[in-house]
Amino acid sequence: MLSYPQIDPVALDLGFIQVHWYGLMYLAGFAAGFWLALRRSSKPWSPVLRTEVEDLILYCALGVVIGGRLGYVLFYGFDQFLADPLWAIKINQGGMSFHGGLLGVMGAAALYARKIGVRFIDLIDFVAPLVPIGLGLGRIGNFIGQELWGRETDGPWGMVFPADPDQLMRHPSQLYQAFLEGAVLFAVLWWFSAKPRPRFAVSGLFVTLYGCFRFLVEFVREPDVGIPVLFGWLTRGQLLSLPMIIGGIAILMWAYRTQPLAGSQPRTATAS
């Protein structure tokens, strides 16, 4: 059995405000995305100019926070929202959804693509490889905050979370997700997008791999309280990931059959 490291979820306590590790992980994820976007913007086929990166990350950050919260409310806490509508804006009580955050980023990207005059899909293909680092850091934040832990296990990799009222030995599923959705997904996407690919291909690969990784980890992740498990095994997270897997594969096949290489007409500083 592994021992859970005693890490205070509060990174900094100033008395009048507490700064949690989870929030710092979000900030670190956005900072990493900003740095990676600067690097990608130097490519001759980049749809984003270096001077546009700062605003792009701001748009995406707003999309993540707003979409992630609304997604959690709709997908996981709709009954609670109906009982207390103000709960939706009580972000201090936690609750963020990746699938909602993904939709939020897509909406923000659509607005920003229109603002700078580029194709929406070119911008999404540009953004996709920037996301996994933030996902991985967010899962580490979940681990430190002792939330979204795994199901019971008797394996030597199990651990007891001090905040667990049942004190069961559980899978550290947050770390599984940090590795798969963070490190592995980033490495594959960064390599894949290092040279021009057909339009939609980078985004298609992102949603396919994320959907597969999330679907697999859900088998060892404790289902959310109050969310029904269909057929005795299909969790809400898996249900939301299935369309990603099917749609992502379809997009990849369609992209390689019909789409030109992205960046065939590079932008310049005078582009509108």
Protein backbone atom coordinates (compact mmCIF):
# COMPACT_ATOMS: atom_id res chain seq x y z
CA MET A 1 0.00 0.00 0.00
CA LEU A 2 1.20 3.50 -0.83
CA SER A 3 1.05 6.24 1.79
CA TYR A 4 -0.87 9.38 0.93
CA PRO A 5 1.53 12.36 1.18
CA GLN A 6 0.34 14.85 3.78
CA ILE A 7 -0.13 17.97 1.67
CA ASP A 8 -2.29 20.80 2.91
CA PRO A 9 -4.83 21.65 0.18
CA VAL A 10 -4.38 25.30 1.16
CA ALA A 11 -1.11 26.47 -0.36
CA LEU A 12 -1.23 29.93 1.20
CA ASP A 13 -3.38 31.19 4.07
CA LEU A 14 -3.42 34.97 4.33
CA GLY A 15 -6.15 35.04 6.94
CA PHE A 16 -8.65 36.99 4.88
CA ILE A 17 -8.21 34.66 1.91
CA GLN A 18 -7.01 31.12 1.32
CA VAL A 19 -5.18 30.14 -1.85
CA HIS A 20 -5.71 26.48 -2.68
CA TRP A 21 -3.36 24.29 -4.66
CA TYR A 22 -6.20 23.50 -7.07
CA GLY A 23 -6.47 27.15 -8.05
CA LEU A 24 -2.70 27.45 -8.42
CA MET A 25 -2.74 24.43 -10.73
CA TYR A 26 -5.24 26.23 -12.96
CA LEU A 27 -2.95 29.28 -13.07
CA ALA A 28 0.07 27.08 -13.83
CA GLY A 29 -1.88 25.39 -16.61
CA PHE A 30 -2.76 28.73 -18.21
CA ALA A 31 0.86 29.88 -17.87
CA ALA A 32 2.08 26.68 -19.55
CA GLY A 33 -0.49 27.15 -22.31
CA PHE A 34 0.70 30.72 -22.85
CA TRP A 35 4.34 29.64 -23.15
CA LEU A 36 3.52 26.76 -25.49
CA ALA A 37 1.30 29.01 -27.61
CA LEU A 38 4.17 31.48 -28.01
CA ARG A 39 6.35 28.65 -29.29
CA ARG A 40 3.70 27.39 -31.71
CA SER A 41 2.95 30.89 -32.96
CA SER A 42 6.49 31.10 -34.38
CA LYS A 43 5.76 28.28 -36.85
CA PRO A 44 5.27 29.50 -40.43
CA TRP A 45 1.93 27.67 -40.66
CA SER A 46 0.56 29.06 -37.37
CA PRO A 47 -2.89 30.69 -37.65
CA VAL A 48 -2.09 32.79 -34.57
CA LEU A 49 0.41 35.62 -34.53
CA ARG A 50 2.70 36.09 -31.55
CA THR A 51 0.96 39.36 -30.67
CA GLU A 52 -2.40 37.55 -30.47
CA VAL A 53 -1.39 34.83 -28.00
CA GLU A 54 -2.16 36.80 -24.85
CA ASP A 55 -5.74 37.51 -25.86
CA LEU A 56 -6.19 33.93 -27.07
CA ILE A 57 -5.24 32.51 -23.67
CA LEU A 58 -7.54 35.00 -21.93
CA TYR A 59 -10.47 33.93 -24.11
CA CYS A 60 -9.71 30.25 -23.49
CA ALA A 61 -9.34 30.78 -19.74
CA LEU A 62 -12.78 32.38 -19.57
CA GLY A 63 -14.18 29.53 -21.67
CA VAL A 64 -12.67 26.91 -19.34
CA VAL A 65 -14.01 28.51 -16.15
CA ILE A 66 -17.48 29.44 -17.41
CA GLY A 67 -17.98 26.30 -19.49
CA GLY A 68 -16.50 24.02 -16.85
CA ARG A 69 -18.83 25.32 -14.17
CA LEU A 70 -21.94 25.34 -16.35
CA GLY A 71 -21.08 21.85 -17.57
CA TYR A 72 -20.81 20.58 -14.01
CA VAL A 73 -24.15 22.14 -13.13
CA LEU A 74 -25.91 20.62 -16.15
CA PHE A 75 -24.20 17.22 -16.26
CA TYR A 76 -23.64 16.44 -12.59
CA GLY A 77 -25.62 18.80 -10.36
CA PHE A 78 -28.80 19.77 -12.17
CA ASP A 79 -31.05 18.60 -9.33
CA GLN A 80 -29.08 20.71 -6.87
CA PHE A 81 -29.29 23.67 -9.25
CA LEU A 82 -33.09 23.32 -9.45
CA ALA A 83 -33.28 23.28 -5.64
CA ASP A 84 -30.89 26.23 -5.25
CA PRO A 85 -30.19 28.20 -8.49
CA LEU A 86 -27.61 30.38 -6.73
CA TRP A 87 -25.51 27.25 -6.14
CA ALA A 88 -24.39 27.53 -9.78
CA ILE A 89 -22.26 30.58 -8.99
CA LYS A 90 -20.87 29.27 -5.69
CA ILE A 91 -17.56 28.26 -7.21
CA ASN A 92 -15.99 28.09 -3.75
CA GLN A 93 -17.97 24.87 -3.32
CA GLY A 94 -16.11 23.29 -6.24
CA GLY A 95 -17.38 21.37 -9.20
CA MET A 96 -15.92 21.69 -12.69
CA SER A 97 -16.60 19.51 -15.72
CA PHE A 98 -14.02 18.80 -18.41
CA HIS A 99 -16.70 18.23 -21.03
CA GLY A 100 -18.30 21.57 -20.14
CA GLY A 101 -14.90 23.25 -20.19
CA LEU A 102 -14.23 21.80 -23.64
CA LEU A 103 -17.47 23.27 -24.96
CA GLY A 104 -16.60 26.57 -23.29
CA VAL A 105 -13.19 26.70 -24.98
CA MET A 106 -14.77 25.90 -28.34
CA GLY A 107 -17.21 28.75 -27.88
CA ALA A 108 -14.43 31.14 -26.85
CA ALA A 109 -12.29 30.00 -29.78
CA ALA A 110 -15.17 30.63 -32.18
CA LEU A 111 -15.46 34.21 -30.92
CA TYR A 112 -11.72 34.83 -31.08
CA ALA A 113 -11.36 33.24 -34.52
CA ARG A 114 -14.00 35.64 -35.81
CA LYS A 115 -12.23 38.56 -34.15
CA ILE A 116 -8.84 37.88 -35.79
CA GLY A 117 -10.23 36.59 -39.08
CA VAL A 118 -9.09 32.97 -39.11
CA ARG A 119 -10.91 29.69 -39.59
CA PHE A 120 -12.44 28.31 -36.41
CA ILE A 121 -11.01 24.83 -36.98
CA ASP A 122 -7.49 26.20 -37.61
CA LEU A 123 -7.65 27.91 -34.23
CA ILE A 124 -8.97 24.78 -32.49
CA ASP A 125 -6.19 22.70 -34.06
CA PHE A 126 -3.72 25.28 -32.75
CA VAL A 127 -5.15 25.22 -29.22
CA ALA A 128 -5.59 21.44 -28.79
CA PRO A 129 -1.93 20.60 -27.98
CA LEU A 130 -1.86 23.39 -25.36
CA VAL A 131 -4.60 21.80 -23.25
CA PRO A 132 -3.15 18.53 -21.83
CA ILE A 133 -0.61 20.16 -19.50
CA GLY A 134 -3.43 22.04 -17.80
CA LEU A 135 -5.50 18.87 -17.59
CA GLY A 136 -2.65 17.01 -15.93
CA LEU A 137 -1.99 19.80 -13.43
CA GLY A 138 -5.70 19.97 -12.64
CA ARG A 139 -5.74 16.27 -11.77
CA ILE A 140 -2.76 16.78 -9.47
CA GLY A 141 -4.80 19.53 -7.85
CA ASN A 142 -7.63 17.00 -7.37
CA PHE A 143 -5.15 14.62 -5.76
CA ILE A 144 -3.86 17.24 -3.33
CA GLY A 145 -7.42 18.30 -2.54
CA GLN A 146 -8.40 14.66 -1.90
CA GLU A 147 -11.30 14.67 -4.35
CA LEU A 148 -12.34 12.47 -7.27
CA TRP A 149 -10.48 9.50 -5.80
CA GLY A 150 -10.71 5.97 -7.10
CA ARG A 151 -12.64 2.86 -6.23
CA GLU A 152 -11.55 0.36 -3.62
CA THR A 153 -8.56 -1.82 -4.50
CA ASP A 154 -6.36 -4.42 -2.82
CA GLY A 155 -3.44 -3.71 -5.15
CA PRO A 156 -0.07 -2.50 -3.81
CA TRP A 157 -0.63 0.86 -5.53
CA GLY A 158 -3.74 1.64 -3.46
CA MET A 159 -3.79 4.29 -0.77
CA VAL A 160 -6.06 5.56 1.99
CA PHE A 161 -7.10 9.20 1.64
CA PRO A 162 -7.33 10.88 5.06
CA ALA A 163 -10.52 12.71 3.99
CA ASP A 164 -12.26 9.48 3.02
CA PRO A 165 -14.95 8.81 5.67
CA ASP A 166 -14.84 5.09 4.87
CA GLN A 167 -11.03 4.91 5.10
CA LEU A 168 -10.82 2.42 2.25
CA MET A 169 -7.71 1.62 0.26
CA ARG A 170 -8.43 3.20 -3.12
CA HIS A 171 -6.96 3.70 -6.57
CA PRO A 172 -5.18 7.08 -6.83
CA SER A 173 -7.17 7.62 -10.02
CA GLN A 174 -6.35 11.33 -10.10
CA LEU A 175 -2.73 10.38 -10.77
CA TYR A 176 -3.75 7.92 -13.48
CA GLN A 177 -5.62 10.75 -15.18
CA ALA A 178 -2.73 13.18 -14.68
CA PHE A 179 -0.44 10.72 -16.46
CA LEU A 180 -2.76 9.76 -19.32
CA GLU A 181 -4.68 13.01 -19.91
CA GLY A 182 -1.68 15.17 -19.08
CA ALA A 183 1.71 13.66 -19.91
CA VAL A 184 0.78 11.05 -22.52
CA LEU A 185 -1.81 13.17 -24.33
CA PHE A 186 0.54 16.15 -24.44
CA ALA A 187 3.47 14.11 -25.78
CA VAL A 188 1.39 12.55 -28.55
CA LEU A 189 -0.32 15.79 -29.61
CA TRP A 190 2.84 17.88 -29.48
CA TRP A 191 4.65 15.36 -31.68
CA PHE A 192 1.68 14.97 -34.02
CA SER A 193 1.20 18.71 -34.46
CA ALA A 194 4.89 19.49 -34.94
CA LYS A 195 4.29 19.65 -38.69
CA PRO A 196 1.24 20.59 -40.77
CA ARG A 197 -1.58 18.02 -40.70
CA PRO A 198 -4.93 18.00 -42.49
CA ARG A 199 -7.43 20.41 -41.00
CA PHE A 200 -9.43 18.83 -38.15
CA ALA A 201 -6.81 16.07 -37.65
CA VAL A 202 -5.18 17.50 -34.50
CA SER A 203 -8.56 18.20 -32.90
CA GLY A 204 -9.85 14.77 -33.95
CA LEU A 205 -6.87 13.06 -32.34
CA PHE A 206 -7.31 15.11 -29.17
CA VAL A 207 -10.96 14.19 -28.60
CA THR A 208 -10.33 10.54 -29.55
CA LEU A 209 -7.45 10.03 -27.12
CA TYR A 210 -9.02 12.01 -24.30
CA GLY A 211 -12.26 10.09 -24.69
CA CYS A 212 -10.41 6.75 -24.60
CA PHE A 213 -8.28 7.68 -21.59
CA ARG A 214 -11.23 9.04 -19.62
CA PHE A 215 -13.40 6.04 -20.50
CA LEU A 216 -10.73 3.64 -19.23
CA VAL A 217 -9.95 5.48 -15.99
CA GLU A 218 -13.65 5.67 -15.13
CA PHE A 219 -13.54 1.91 -14.46
CA VAL A 220 -11.36 2.59 -11.38
CA ARG A 221 -12.67 6.05 -10.45
CA GLU A 222 -15.34 6.35 -7.78
CA PRO A 223 -18.62 7.41 -9.45
CA ASP A 224 -19.97 10.81 -8.46
CA VAL A 225 -22.42 10.68 -5.57
CA GLY A 226 -26.03 10.79 -6.69
CA ILE A 227 -25.21 10.17 -10.37
CA PRO A 228 -26.74 6.90 -11.62
CA VAL A 229 -24.50 4.23 -13.13
CA LEU A 230 -26.21 2.76 -16.18
CA PHE A 231 -26.28 -1.01 -16.74
CA GLY A 232 -24.32 -1.43 -13.53
CA TRP A 233 -21.05 -0.11 -14.99
CA LEU A 234 -21.51 2.86 -17.37
CA THR A 235 -20.71 6.07 -15.47
CA ARG A 236 -21.70 9.60 -16.46
CA GLY A 237 -18.08 10.32 -17.41
CA GLN A 238 -18.04 7.33 -19.75
CA LEU A 239 -21.38 8.28 -21.24
CA LEU A 240 -20.05 11.76 -22.04
CA SER A 241 -16.81 10.31 -23.44
CA LEU A 242 -18.40 7.87 -25.86
CA PRO A 243 -19.43 10.58 -28.37
CA MET A 244 -15.88 11.95 -28.18
CA ILE A 245 -14.38 8.58 -29.12
CA ILE A 246 -16.82 7.89 -31.96
CA GLY A 247 -16.82 11.47 -33.23
CA GLY A 248 -13.04 11.81 -32.95
CA ILE A 249 -12.37 8.70 -35.02
CA ALA A 250 -14.89 9.85 -37.63
CA ILE A 251 -13.27 13.30 -37.78
CA LEU A 252 -9.78 11.80 -38.22
CA MET A 253 -10.91 9.56 -41.07
CA TRP A 254 -12.77 12.41 -42.77
CA ALA A 255 -9.87 14.84 -42.31
CA TYR A 256 -7.31 12.57 -43.98
CA ARG A 257 -9.66 11.80 -46.84
CA THR A 258 -10.92 15.29 -47.65
CA GLN A 259 -8.98 18.10 -45.96
CA PRO A 260 -5.88 20.00 -47.13
CA LEU A 261 -2.86 20.51 -44.94
CA ALA A 262 -3.35 23.31 -42.41
CA GLY A 263 -1.27 26.44 -42.91
CA SER A 264 -1.05 26.16 -46.68
CA GLN A 265 -1.60 29.92 -46.71
CA PRO A 266 0.32 31.28 -43.68
CA ARG A 267 -0.93 34.45 -42.02
CA THR A 268 1.09 37.63 -41.88
CA ALA A 269 0.95 40.64 -39.61
CA THR A 270 -1.29 42.37 -42.13
CA ALA A 271 -3.91 39.59 -42.20
CA SER A 272 -7.41 40.51 -41.11
